[in-house]
Amino acid sequence: MGNSLLSMLGKIKDIGLYACTGSTLVEAELKAYASGLELLCQALWELERESFVLTASEEGLELRERVCGGLRDFLPLEDRREMLLYRMAVTGNDYTAKGLEQALLAVGIRSAVSGTAEGSVYINVLGTTGERQKSQEEIQAAAAEFLPAHAEWAFDFGVLSWNYIDAKENTFDQMDNAGLAWSEIDGYTENTE
């Protein structure tokens, strides 16, 4: 009630028609108006906050999630905001590996996307957002919304990705000579003794 009341009292004093001694009927009336204005200001402030994804809490996020494909109130607010921001950023030009990775973040899928020699899309699912573990079928159904309909795609739910293997900086011959199965590659370091 402070700002509205002080603003009105200042304007009344400037006019000079009313005595503002702290106990006049005009001041009591202004206090009643200020109480109503503060409720309105609070509602406007909340509306402004809920109007933007970065500042919205429950209602603003819920409304956008319902429009964008499903309520995710089981997730932390930051994850919900991140998913909505990615979702609203998806365009028709996002059919590159990087664009598809960002589009999949919109449904909570962290992935590494690459193309294969056969022209299909390879998706290495590295994890999902949220506290609840999603099944492979749920992940594939959510991803299908963003994947190009004309292309074939393959999902890999293992922990290895081509980027991970590349980061090892071993040559093909080094890896081939090691005679490792896929499941053994993540712990492989070349012995140089």
N, C-alpha and C. Protein backbone atom coordinates (compact mmCIF):
# COMPACT_ATOMS: atom_id res chain seq x y z
N MET A 1 0.84 -1.19 0.00
CA MET A 1 0.00 0.00 0.00
C MET A 1 0.87 1.24 0.00
N GLY A 2 2.13 1.12 0.27
CA GLY A 2 3.01 2.26 0.44
C GLY A 2 3.17 3.14 -0.79
N ASN A 3 3.53 2.56 -1.93
CA ASN A 3 3.82 3.37 -3.11
C ASN A 3 2.59 4.10 -3.63
N SER A 4 1.46 3.42 -3.73
CA SER A 4 0.25 4.04 -4.24
C SER A 4 -0.22 5.16 -3.32
N LEU A 5 -0.22 4.90 -2.04
CA LEU A 5 -0.67 5.91 -1.08
C LEU A 5 0.25 7.13 -1.10
N LEU A 6 1.56 6.89 -1.08
CA LEU A 6 2.50 8.02 -1.09
C LEU A 6 2.36 8.84 -2.36
N SER A 7 2.14 8.18 -3.48
CA SER A 7 1.96 8.89 -4.75
C SER A 7 0.71 9.77 -4.71
N MET A 8 -0.40 9.22 -4.22
CA MET A 8 -1.64 10.00 -4.16
C MET A 8 -1.54 11.14 -3.15
N LEU A 9 -0.93 10.87 -1.99
CA LEU A 9 -0.78 11.93 -0.99
C LEU A 9 0.08 13.06 -1.51
N GLY A 10 1.13 12.73 -2.24
CA GLY A 10 2.00 13.75 -2.82
C GLY A 10 1.25 14.64 -3.78
N LYS A 11 0.40 14.05 -4.59
CA LYS A 11 -0.36 14.83 -5.57
C LYS A 11 -1.42 15.71 -4.88
N ILE A 12 -2.04 15.17 -3.83
CA ILE A 12 -3.04 15.95 -3.07
C ILE A 12 -2.38 17.15 -2.41
N LYS A 13 -1.21 16.95 -1.81
CA LYS A 13 -0.51 18.05 -1.15
C LYS A 13 -0.13 19.14 -2.15
N ASP A 14 0.28 18.72 -3.35
CA ASP A 14 0.67 19.69 -4.38
C ASP A 14 -0.50 20.57 -4.80
N ILE A 15 -1.71 20.02 -4.81
CA ILE A 15 -2.90 20.80 -5.18
C ILE A 15 -3.17 21.88 -4.14
N GLY A 16 -2.99 21.55 -2.89
CA GLY A 16 -3.18 22.51 -1.80
C GLY A 16 -4.61 22.69 -1.35
N LEU A 17 -5.55 21.89 -1.84
CA LEU A 17 -6.95 22.02 -1.45
C LEU A 17 -7.29 21.28 -0.16
N TYR A 18 -6.52 20.25 0.15
CA TYR A 18 -6.84 19.42 1.31
C TYR A 18 -5.70 19.47 2.32
N ALA A 19 -6.08 19.46 3.57
CA ALA A 19 -5.09 19.38 4.64
C ALA A 19 -4.78 17.91 4.87
N CYS A 20 -3.52 17.58 4.86
CA CYS A 20 -3.11 16.18 5.08
C CYS A 20 -2.40 16.12 6.42
N THR A 21 -3.17 15.86 7.45
CA THR A 21 -2.63 15.83 8.81
C THR A 21 -2.42 14.42 9.32
N GLY A 22 -2.85 13.44 8.54
CA GLY A 22 -2.71 12.05 8.96
C GLY A 22 -3.99 11.44 9.46
N SER A 23 -5.06 12.24 9.63
CA SER A 23 -6.30 11.68 10.17
C SER A 23 -7.53 12.27 9.50
N THR A 24 -7.42 12.77 8.28
CA THR A 24 -8.58 13.35 7.62
C THR A 24 -9.35 12.28 6.85
N LEU A 25 -10.59 12.60 6.52
CA LEU A 25 -11.43 11.67 5.74
C LEU A 25 -10.84 11.45 4.35
N VAL A 26 -10.26 12.49 3.77
CA VAL A 26 -9.64 12.36 2.44
C VAL A 26 -8.50 11.33 2.50
N GLU A 27 -7.70 11.39 3.54
CA GLU A 27 -6.60 10.44 3.68
C GLU A 27 -7.12 9.01 3.91
N ALA A 28 -8.20 8.87 4.65
CA ALA A 28 -8.79 7.54 4.86
C ALA A 28 -9.32 6.99 3.54
N GLU A 29 -9.93 7.87 2.73
CA GLU A 29 -10.42 7.45 1.42
C GLU A 29 -9.26 7.05 0.51
N LEU A 30 -8.17 7.81 0.56
CA LEU A 30 -7.00 7.50 -0.26
C LEU A 30 -6.38 6.16 0.16
N LYS A 31 -6.40 5.87 1.46
CA LYS A 31 -5.87 4.59 1.95
C LYS A 31 -6.70 3.43 1.40
N ALA A 32 -8.02 3.60 1.32
CA ALA A 32 -8.89 2.56 0.76
C ALA A 32 -8.59 2.37 -0.72
N TYR A 33 -8.42 3.48 -1.47
CA TYR A 33 -8.07 3.38 -2.89
C TYR A 33 -6.71 2.69 -3.05
N ALA A 34 -5.76 3.05 -2.20
CA ALA A 34 -4.41 2.48 -2.29
C ALA A 34 -4.45 0.97 -2.06
N SER A 35 -5.29 0.51 -1.13
CA SER A 35 -5.40 -0.94 -0.89
C SER A 35 -5.87 -1.66 -2.14
N GLY A 36 -6.87 -1.09 -2.81
CA GLY A 36 -7.37 -1.68 -4.06
C GLY A 36 -6.32 -1.63 -5.17
N LEU A 37 -5.62 -0.52 -5.26
CA LEU A 37 -4.58 -0.38 -6.29
C LEU A 37 -3.43 -1.36 -6.07
N GLU A 38 -3.07 -1.59 -4.82
CA GLU A 38 -1.97 -2.53 -4.53
C GLU A 38 -2.35 -3.95 -4.96
N LEU A 39 -3.62 -4.34 -4.75
CA LEU A 39 -4.06 -5.65 -5.22
C LEU A 39 -3.96 -5.74 -6.74
N LEU A 40 -4.35 -4.67 -7.42
CA LEU A 40 -4.27 -4.63 -8.86
C LEU A 40 -2.81 -4.66 -9.33
N CYS A 41 -1.95 -3.89 -8.68
CA CYS A 41 -0.52 -3.87 -9.03
C CYS A 41 0.10 -5.25 -8.83
N GLN A 42 -0.26 -5.93 -7.76
CA GLN A 42 0.27 -7.28 -7.50
C GLN A 42 -0.17 -8.24 -8.60
N ALA A 43 -1.43 -8.16 -9.00
CA ALA A 43 -1.94 -9.03 -10.06
C ALA A 43 -1.24 -8.74 -11.39
N LEU A 44 -1.00 -7.46 -11.69
CA LEU A 44 -0.29 -7.09 -12.92
C LEU A 44 1.16 -7.56 -12.89
N TRP A 45 1.80 -7.45 -11.74
CA TRP A 45 3.18 -7.91 -11.60
C TRP A 45 3.25 -9.41 -11.84
N GLU A 46 2.30 -10.15 -11.28
CA GLU A 46 2.27 -11.60 -11.45
C GLU A 46 2.00 -11.97 -12.91
N LEU A 47 1.09 -11.25 -13.55
CA LEU A 47 0.80 -11.48 -14.97
C LEU A 47 2.04 -11.24 -15.82
N GLU A 48 2.76 -10.18 -15.54
CA GLU A 48 3.99 -9.89 -16.28
C GLU A 48 5.02 -11.00 -16.07
N ARG A 49 5.19 -11.44 -14.84
CA ARG A 49 6.15 -12.51 -14.53
C ARG A 49 5.79 -13.80 -15.25
N GLU A 50 4.52 -14.17 -15.26
CA GLU A 50 4.08 -15.40 -15.90
C GLU A 50 4.06 -15.32 -17.43
N SER A 51 4.22 -14.12 -17.98
CA SER A 51 4.17 -13.94 -19.42
C SER A 51 5.45 -14.34 -20.13
N PHE A 52 6.53 -14.52 -19.41
CA PHE A 52 7.82 -14.84 -20.01
C PHE A 52 8.32 -16.17 -19.47
N VAL A 53 8.82 -17.03 -20.36
CA VAL A 53 9.26 -18.37 -19.97
C VAL A 53 10.35 -18.30 -18.90
N LEU A 54 11.28 -17.37 -19.03
CA LEU A 54 12.39 -17.32 -18.10
C LEU A 54 12.00 -16.93 -16.68
N THR A 55 10.85 -16.27 -16.50
CA THR A 55 10.44 -15.86 -15.16
C THR A 55 9.16 -16.56 -14.68
N ALA A 56 8.50 -17.26 -15.57
CA ALA A 56 7.23 -17.92 -15.21
C ALA A 56 7.49 -19.02 -14.19
N SER A 57 6.50 -19.22 -13.32
CA SER A 57 6.62 -20.32 -12.37
C SER A 57 5.61 -21.39 -12.77
N GLU A 58 4.53 -21.51 -12.10
CA GLU A 58 3.62 -22.62 -12.37
C GLU A 58 2.64 -22.36 -13.52
N GLU A 59 1.79 -21.35 -13.36
CA GLU A 59 0.70 -21.16 -14.32
C GLU A 59 1.20 -20.85 -15.72
N GLY A 60 2.19 -19.95 -15.83
CA GLY A 60 2.71 -19.59 -17.15
C GLY A 60 3.35 -20.77 -17.85
N LEU A 61 4.09 -21.58 -17.12
CA LEU A 61 4.72 -22.76 -17.73
C LEU A 61 3.67 -23.80 -18.10
N GLU A 62 2.70 -24.00 -17.22
CA GLU A 62 1.66 -24.99 -17.48
C GLU A 62 0.88 -24.67 -18.74
N LEU A 63 0.51 -23.41 -18.93
CA LEU A 63 -0.24 -23.02 -20.13
C LEU A 63 0.57 -23.29 -21.40
N ARG A 64 1.84 -22.94 -21.38
CA ARG A 64 2.69 -23.16 -22.55
C ARG A 64 2.91 -24.65 -22.80
N GLU A 65 3.10 -25.42 -21.73
CA GLU A 65 3.31 -26.86 -21.89
C GLU A 65 2.08 -27.52 -22.51
N ARG A 66 0.90 -27.09 -22.12
CA ARG A 66 -0.32 -27.68 -22.68
C ARG A 66 -0.41 -27.39 -24.18
N VAL A 67 0.04 -26.22 -24.60
CA VAL A 67 0.03 -25.86 -26.01
C VAL A 67 1.14 -26.61 -26.77
N CYS A 68 2.26 -26.81 -26.11
CA CYS A 68 3.44 -27.39 -26.77
C CYS A 68 3.60 -28.88 -26.57
N GLY A 69 2.59 -29.58 -26.17
CA GLY A 69 2.70 -31.02 -26.19
C GLY A 69 2.68 -31.76 -24.88
N GLY A 70 2.28 -31.18 -23.81
CA GLY A 70 2.12 -31.97 -22.60
C GLY A 70 2.69 -31.35 -21.35
N LEU A 71 1.94 -31.49 -20.30
CA LEU A 71 2.30 -30.96 -18.99
C LEU A 71 3.45 -31.77 -18.41
N ARG A 72 4.46 -31.07 -17.89
CA ARG A 72 5.63 -31.74 -17.31
C ARG A 72 5.87 -31.22 -15.89
N ASP A 73 4.82 -31.18 -15.09
CA ASP A 73 4.93 -30.61 -13.75
C ASP A 73 5.73 -31.50 -12.79
N PHE A 74 6.15 -32.68 -13.22
CA PHE A 74 6.99 -33.54 -12.39
C PHE A 74 8.46 -33.14 -12.49
N LEU A 75 8.79 -32.24 -13.42
CA LEU A 75 10.18 -31.81 -13.60
C LEU A 75 10.46 -30.55 -12.80
N PRO A 76 11.72 -30.29 -12.49
CA PRO A 76 12.09 -29.02 -11.85
C PRO A 76 11.79 -27.84 -12.79
N LEU A 77 11.53 -26.67 -12.22
CA LEU A 77 11.18 -25.49 -13.03
C LEU A 77 12.22 -25.18 -14.10
N GLU A 78 13.50 -25.28 -13.76
CA GLU A 78 14.55 -24.94 -14.72
C GLU A 78 14.53 -25.89 -15.92
N ASP A 79 14.30 -27.17 -15.69
CA ASP A 79 14.21 -28.12 -16.81
C ASP A 79 13.00 -27.81 -17.67
N ARG A 80 11.89 -27.48 -17.05
CA ARG A 80 10.68 -27.14 -17.81
C ARG A 80 10.90 -25.90 -18.67
N ARG A 81 11.56 -24.91 -18.09
CA ARG A 81 11.85 -23.68 -18.85
C ARG A 81 12.77 -23.98 -20.04
N GLU A 82 13.82 -24.75 -19.77
CA GLU A 82 14.78 -25.08 -20.83
C GLU A 82 14.09 -25.82 -21.97
N MET A 83 13.24 -26.79 -21.64
CA MET A 83 12.55 -27.56 -22.67
C MET A 83 11.61 -26.67 -23.48
N LEU A 84 10.91 -25.76 -22.83
CA LEU A 84 10.01 -24.86 -23.56
C LEU A 84 10.80 -23.91 -24.47
N LEU A 85 11.92 -23.41 -24.00
CA LEU A 85 12.73 -22.51 -24.83
C LEU A 85 13.23 -23.23 -26.07
N TYR A 86 13.70 -24.45 -25.91
CA TYR A 86 14.14 -25.22 -27.08
C TYR A 86 12.96 -25.51 -28.00
N ARG A 87 11.82 -25.84 -27.40
CA ARG A 87 10.63 -26.17 -28.18
C ARG A 87 10.19 -24.99 -29.04
N MET A 88 10.23 -23.80 -28.47
CA MET A 88 9.79 -22.62 -29.21
C MET A 88 10.83 -22.14 -30.22
N ALA A 89 12.03 -22.68 -30.15
CA ALA A 89 13.10 -22.27 -31.06
C ALA A 89 13.21 -23.20 -32.27
N VAL A 90 12.47 -24.29 -32.30
CA VAL A 90 12.56 -25.24 -33.41
C VAL A 90 11.92 -24.63 -34.66
N THR A 91 12.68 -24.67 -35.75
CA THR A 91 12.18 -24.15 -37.03
C THR A 91 12.35 -25.21 -38.11
N GLY A 92 11.88 -24.92 -39.28
CA GLY A 92 12.03 -25.83 -40.41
C GLY A 92 13.47 -25.97 -40.87
N ASN A 93 14.34 -25.09 -40.43
CA ASN A 93 15.74 -25.15 -40.83
C ASN A 93 16.60 -25.96 -39.87
N ASP A 94 15.99 -26.64 -38.92
CA ASP A 94 16.73 -27.35 -37.88
C ASP A 94 17.02 -28.81 -38.21
N TYR A 95 17.01 -29.17 -39.48
CA TYR A 95 17.26 -30.56 -39.83
C TYR A 95 18.73 -30.80 -40.16
N THR A 96 19.56 -30.33 -39.24
CA THR A 96 20.97 -30.67 -39.23
C THR A 96 21.20 -31.47 -37.96
N ALA A 97 22.37 -32.07 -37.83
CA ALA A 97 22.63 -32.86 -36.62
C ALA A 97 22.50 -31.99 -35.38
N LYS A 98 23.11 -30.80 -35.39
CA LYS A 98 23.05 -29.89 -34.24
C LYS A 98 21.61 -29.43 -34.00
N GLY A 99 20.90 -29.10 -35.07
CA GLY A 99 19.51 -28.67 -34.94
C GLY A 99 18.63 -29.75 -34.36
N LEU A 100 18.82 -31.01 -34.78
CA LEU A 100 18.03 -32.11 -34.24
C LEU A 100 18.36 -32.36 -32.77
N GLU A 101 19.63 -32.21 -32.40
CA GLU A 101 20.00 -32.38 -30.98
C GLU A 101 19.27 -31.34 -30.13
N GLN A 102 19.21 -30.10 -30.62
CA GLN A 102 18.52 -29.06 -29.86
C GLN A 102 17.02 -29.28 -29.85
N ALA A 103 16.47 -29.76 -30.96
CA ALA A 103 15.03 -30.05 -31.01
C ALA A 103 14.68 -31.17 -30.04
N LEU A 104 15.54 -32.18 -29.94
CA LEU A 104 15.27 -33.29 -29.02
C LEU A 104 15.36 -32.83 -27.56
N LEU A 105 16.14 -31.80 -27.29
CA LEU A 105 16.17 -31.24 -25.94
C LEU A 105 14.80 -30.68 -25.55
N ALA A 106 14.01 -30.29 -26.56
CA ALA A 106 12.67 -29.76 -26.30
C ALA A 106 11.76 -30.79 -25.65
N VAL A 107 12.05 -32.06 -25.87
CA VAL A 107 11.26 -33.12 -25.23
C VAL A 107 12.08 -33.86 -24.18
N GLY A 108 13.19 -33.23 -23.77
CA GLY A 108 13.96 -33.76 -22.66
C GLY A 108 14.93 -34.88 -23.00
N ILE A 109 15.34 -34.96 -24.26
CA ILE A 109 16.27 -36.03 -24.68
C ILE A 109 17.63 -35.41 -24.98
N ARG A 110 18.64 -35.79 -24.22
CA ARG A 110 20.01 -35.37 -24.50
C ARG A 110 20.62 -36.42 -25.40
N SER A 111 21.15 -35.98 -26.56
CA SER A 111 21.60 -36.95 -27.55
C SER A 111 22.77 -36.43 -28.37
N ALA A 112 23.35 -37.35 -29.13
CA ALA A 112 24.34 -37.03 -30.15
C ALA A 112 23.75 -37.57 -31.45
N VAL A 113 23.58 -36.70 -32.43
CA VAL A 113 22.93 -37.07 -33.69
C VAL A 113 23.96 -37.01 -34.80
N SER A 114 23.93 -38.03 -35.66
CA SER A 114 24.80 -38.02 -36.84
C SER A 114 24.10 -38.77 -37.96
N GLY A 115 24.59 -38.58 -39.17
CA GLY A 115 24.06 -39.29 -40.32
C GLY A 115 24.89 -40.52 -40.59
N THR A 116 24.32 -41.48 -41.27
CA THR A 116 25.06 -42.68 -41.64
C THR A 116 25.32 -42.66 -43.14
N ALA A 117 26.19 -43.54 -43.61
CA ALA A 117 26.50 -43.62 -45.03
C ALA A 117 25.27 -43.99 -45.85
N GLU A 118 24.33 -44.69 -45.23
CA GLU A 118 23.11 -45.09 -45.94
C GLU A 118 22.07 -43.97 -45.99
N GLY A 119 22.34 -42.86 -45.36
CA GLY A 119 21.42 -41.73 -45.39
C GLY A 119 20.41 -41.72 -44.26
N SER A 120 20.56 -42.58 -43.31
CA SER A 120 19.63 -42.57 -42.17
C SER A 120 20.21 -41.70 -41.05
N VAL A 121 19.40 -41.47 -40.05
CA VAL A 121 19.79 -40.62 -38.92
C VAL A 121 20.10 -41.54 -37.74
N TYR A 122 21.29 -41.37 -37.17
CA TYR A 122 21.72 -42.16 -36.02
C TYR A 122 21.61 -41.28 -34.78
N ILE A 123 20.85 -41.73 -33.79
CA ILE A 123 20.62 -40.96 -32.57
C ILE A 123 21.14 -41.75 -31.39
N ASN A 124 22.20 -41.25 -30.79
CA ASN A 124 22.74 -41.87 -29.58
C ASN A 124 22.10 -41.14 -28.40
N VAL A 125 21.22 -41.81 -27.69
CA VAL A 125 20.52 -41.22 -26.56
C VAL A 125 21.44 -41.26 -25.35
N LEU A 126 21.86 -40.07 -24.89
CA LEU A 126 22.81 -39.98 -23.79
C LEU A 126 22.12 -39.85 -22.43
N GLY A 127 20.87 -39.44 -22.45
CA GLY A 127 20.13 -39.30 -21.19
C GLY A 127 18.84 -38.53 -21.41
N THR A 128 18.05 -38.44 -20.36
CA THR A 128 16.79 -37.70 -20.42
C THR A 128 16.70 -36.75 -19.23
N THR A 129 15.88 -35.76 -19.39
CA THR A 129 15.64 -34.78 -18.35
C THR A 129 14.58 -35.32 -17.40
N GLY A 130 14.74 -35.05 -16.15
CA GLY A 130 13.69 -35.39 -15.21
C GLY A 130 14.09 -36.47 -14.23
N GLU A 131 13.23 -36.62 -13.25
CA GLU A 131 13.48 -37.56 -12.18
C GLU A 131 13.02 -38.97 -12.55
N ARG A 132 12.05 -39.05 -13.44
CA ARG A 132 11.47 -40.34 -13.81
C ARG A 132 12.22 -40.90 -15.02
N GLN A 133 12.63 -42.14 -14.95
CA GLN A 133 13.32 -42.79 -16.07
C GLN A 133 12.30 -43.08 -17.16
N LYS A 134 12.56 -42.63 -18.37
CA LYS A 134 11.66 -42.88 -19.49
C LYS A 134 12.05 -44.19 -20.17
N SER A 135 11.04 -44.88 -20.66
CA SER A 135 11.31 -46.12 -21.39
C SER A 135 11.82 -45.77 -22.79
N GLN A 136 12.43 -46.74 -23.45
CA GLN A 136 12.92 -46.52 -24.81
C GLN A 136 11.78 -46.19 -25.75
N GLU A 137 10.62 -46.79 -25.54
CA GLU A 137 9.45 -46.51 -26.39
C GLU A 137 8.98 -45.06 -26.20
N GLU A 138 8.97 -44.57 -24.95
CA GLU A 138 8.58 -43.19 -24.69
C GLU A 138 9.55 -42.21 -25.35
N ILE A 139 10.82 -42.51 -25.28
CA ILE A 139 11.84 -41.64 -25.87
C ILE A 139 11.67 -41.60 -27.39
N GLN A 140 11.48 -42.76 -28.00
CA GLN A 140 11.31 -42.81 -29.45
C GLN A 140 10.05 -42.09 -29.90
N ALA A 141 8.97 -42.24 -29.15
CA ALA A 141 7.72 -41.56 -29.50
C ALA A 141 7.87 -40.04 -29.38
N ALA A 142 8.55 -39.58 -28.34
CA ALA A 142 8.76 -38.14 -28.18
C ALA A 142 9.67 -37.59 -29.28
N ALA A 143 10.69 -38.34 -29.63
CA ALA A 143 11.63 -37.89 -30.66
C ALA A 143 10.99 -37.87 -32.04
N ALA A 144 10.05 -38.78 -32.30
CA ALA A 144 9.42 -38.89 -33.62
C ALA A 144 8.74 -37.59 -34.04
N GLU A 145 8.35 -36.80 -33.07
CA GLU A 145 7.70 -35.52 -33.37
C GLU A 145 8.63 -34.57 -34.14
N PHE A 146 9.93 -34.70 -33.94
CA PHE A 146 10.88 -33.77 -34.54
C PHE A 146 11.71 -34.36 -35.66
N LEU A 147 11.72 -35.68 -35.79
CA LEU A 147 12.56 -36.31 -36.79
C LEU A 147 11.91 -36.23 -38.16
N PRO A 148 12.72 -36.04 -39.21
CA PRO A 148 12.15 -35.92 -40.55
C PRO A 148 11.44 -37.22 -40.96
N ALA A 149 10.23 -37.07 -41.47
CA ALA A 149 9.41 -38.23 -41.80
C ALA A 149 9.98 -39.02 -42.98
N HIS A 150 10.73 -38.36 -43.85
CA HIS A 150 11.24 -39.03 -45.04
C HIS A 150 12.51 -39.85 -44.77
N ALA A 151 13.12 -39.68 -43.61
CA ALA A 151 14.38 -40.37 -43.31
C ALA A 151 14.15 -41.52 -42.34
N GLU A 152 15.01 -42.51 -42.45
CA GLU A 152 15.00 -43.58 -41.46
C GLU A 152 15.92 -43.15 -40.33
N TRP A 153 15.59 -43.60 -39.13
CA TRP A 153 16.46 -43.27 -38.00
C TRP A 153 16.66 -44.48 -37.13
N ALA A 154 17.79 -44.48 -36.46
CA ALA A 154 18.13 -45.59 -35.57
C ALA A 154 18.51 -45.00 -34.22
N PHE A 155 17.98 -45.58 -33.17
CA PHE A 155 18.28 -45.14 -31.81
C PHE A 155 19.31 -46.07 -31.19
N ASP A 156 20.24 -45.47 -30.47
CA ASP A 156 21.23 -46.24 -29.71
C ASP A 156 21.12 -45.76 -28.27
N PHE A 157 20.82 -46.67 -27.37
CA PHE A 157 20.65 -46.31 -25.97
C PHE A 157 21.88 -46.67 -25.13
N GLY A 158 22.99 -46.98 -25.81
CA GLY A 158 24.22 -47.26 -25.09
C GLY A 158 24.90 -45.98 -24.64
N VAL A 159 25.89 -46.11 -23.80
CA VAL A 159 26.57 -44.92 -23.28
C VAL A 159 27.66 -44.41 -24.21
N LEU A 160 28.03 -45.21 -25.20
CA LEU A 160 29.09 -44.79 -26.11
C LEU A 160 28.52 -43.94 -27.24
N SER A 161 29.29 -42.96 -27.68
CA SER A 161 28.94 -42.18 -28.86
C SER A 161 30.20 -42.03 -29.70
N TRP A 162 30.04 -41.67 -30.96
CA TRP A 162 31.22 -41.48 -31.82
C TRP A 162 32.08 -40.35 -31.28
N ASN A 163 31.46 -39.33 -30.74
CA ASN A 163 32.23 -38.22 -30.16
C ASN A 163 33.08 -38.71 -28.99
N TYR A 164 32.54 -39.61 -28.19
CA TYR A 164 33.28 -40.16 -27.06
C TYR A 164 34.49 -40.95 -27.56
N ILE A 165 34.28 -41.76 -28.58
CA ILE A 165 35.38 -42.56 -29.13
C ILE A 165 36.43 -41.65 -29.77
N ASP A 166 35.98 -40.63 -30.52
CA ASP A 166 36.91 -39.68 -31.13
C ASP A 166 37.76 -38.98 -30.09
N ALA A 167 37.16 -38.67 -28.93
CA ALA A 167 37.89 -37.96 -27.88
C ALA A 167 39.04 -38.79 -27.32
N LYS A 168 39.01 -40.11 -27.51
CA LYS A 168 40.10 -40.98 -27.06
C LYS A 168 41.38 -40.73 -27.87
N GLU A 169 41.23 -40.18 -29.09
CA GLU A 169 42.34 -39.84 -29.98
C GLU A 169 43.23 -41.03 -30.29
N ASN A 170 42.62 -42.18 -30.46
CA ASN A 170 43.34 -43.37 -30.90
C ASN A 170 43.10 -43.56 -32.40
N THR A 171 44.07 -44.11 -33.09
CA THR A 171 43.88 -44.40 -34.50
C THR A 171 43.02 -45.64 -34.64
N PHE A 172 42.53 -45.86 -35.85
CA PHE A 172 41.74 -47.06 -36.11
C PHE A 172 42.56 -48.31 -35.81
N ASP A 173 43.80 -48.31 -36.26
CA ASP A 173 44.66 -49.48 -36.05
C ASP A 173 44.86 -49.75 -34.55
N GLN A 174 45.05 -48.69 -33.75
CA GLN A 174 45.22 -48.88 -32.30
C GLN A 174 43.99 -49.54 -31.70
N MET A 175 42.83 -49.07 -32.07
CA MET A 175 41.59 -49.63 -31.52
C MET A 175 41.34 -51.04 -32.05
N ASP A 176 41.60 -51.24 -33.34
CA ASP A 176 41.35 -52.55 -33.95
C ASP A 176 42.30 -53.61 -33.37
N ASN A 177 43.56 -53.24 -33.18
CA ASN A 177 44.54 -54.17 -32.63
C ASN A 177 44.27 -54.52 -31.17
N ALA A 178 43.54 -53.66 -30.48
CA ALA A 178 43.24 -53.94 -29.07
C ALA A 178 42.26 -55.11 -28.94
N GLY A 179 41.48 -55.38 -30.01
CA GLY A 179 40.56 -56.52 -30.00
C GLY A 179 39.46 -56.40 -28.96
N LEU A 180 38.90 -55.20 -28.80
CA LEU A 180 37.90 -54.95 -27.76
C LEU A 180 36.48 -55.06 -28.30
N ALA A 181 35.57 -55.49 -27.44
CA ALA A 181 34.15 -55.42 -27.75
C ALA A 181 33.68 -53.99 -27.47
N TRP A 182 32.52 -53.62 -28.02
CA TRP A 182 32.00 -52.26 -27.81
C TRP A 182 31.91 -51.91 -26.33
N SER A 183 31.50 -52.86 -25.54
CA SER A 183 31.32 -52.59 -24.11
C SER A 183 32.63 -52.36 -23.38
N GLU A 184 33.76 -52.75 -24.00
CA GLU A 184 35.06 -52.58 -23.36
C GLU A 184 35.78 -51.30 -23.78
N ILE A 185 35.29 -50.64 -24.79
CA ILE A 185 35.99 -49.47 -25.35
C ILE A 185 36.05 -48.32 -24.37
N ASP A 186 35.01 -48.09 -23.58
CA ASP A 186 34.99 -46.92 -22.71
C ASP A 186 36.10 -46.92 -21.68
N GLY A 187 36.59 -48.06 -21.29
CA GLY A 187 37.67 -48.12 -20.31
C GLY A 187 39.05 -48.29 -20.93
N TYR A 188 39.12 -48.28 -22.25
CA TYR A 188 40.38 -48.55 -22.93
C TYR A 188 41.31 -47.34 -22.92
N THR A 189 42.52 -47.55 -22.51
CA THR A 189 43.60 -46.57 -22.68
C THR A 189 44.80 -47.35 -23.20
N GLU A 190 45.47 -46.78 -24.15
CA GLU A 190 46.58 -47.50 -24.77
C GLU A 190 47.75 -47.60 -23.78
N ASN A 191 48.27 -48.79 -23.66
CA ASN A 191 49.42 -49.03 -22.81
C ASN A 191 50.69 -48.74 -23.61
N THR A 192 51.45 -47.73 -23.21
CA THR A 192 52.63 -47.33 -23.98
C THR A 192 53.93 -47.79 -23.33
N GLU A 193 53.89 -48.77 -22.47
CA GLU A 193 55.10 -49.26 -21.78
C GLU A 193 55.96 -50.06 -22.71
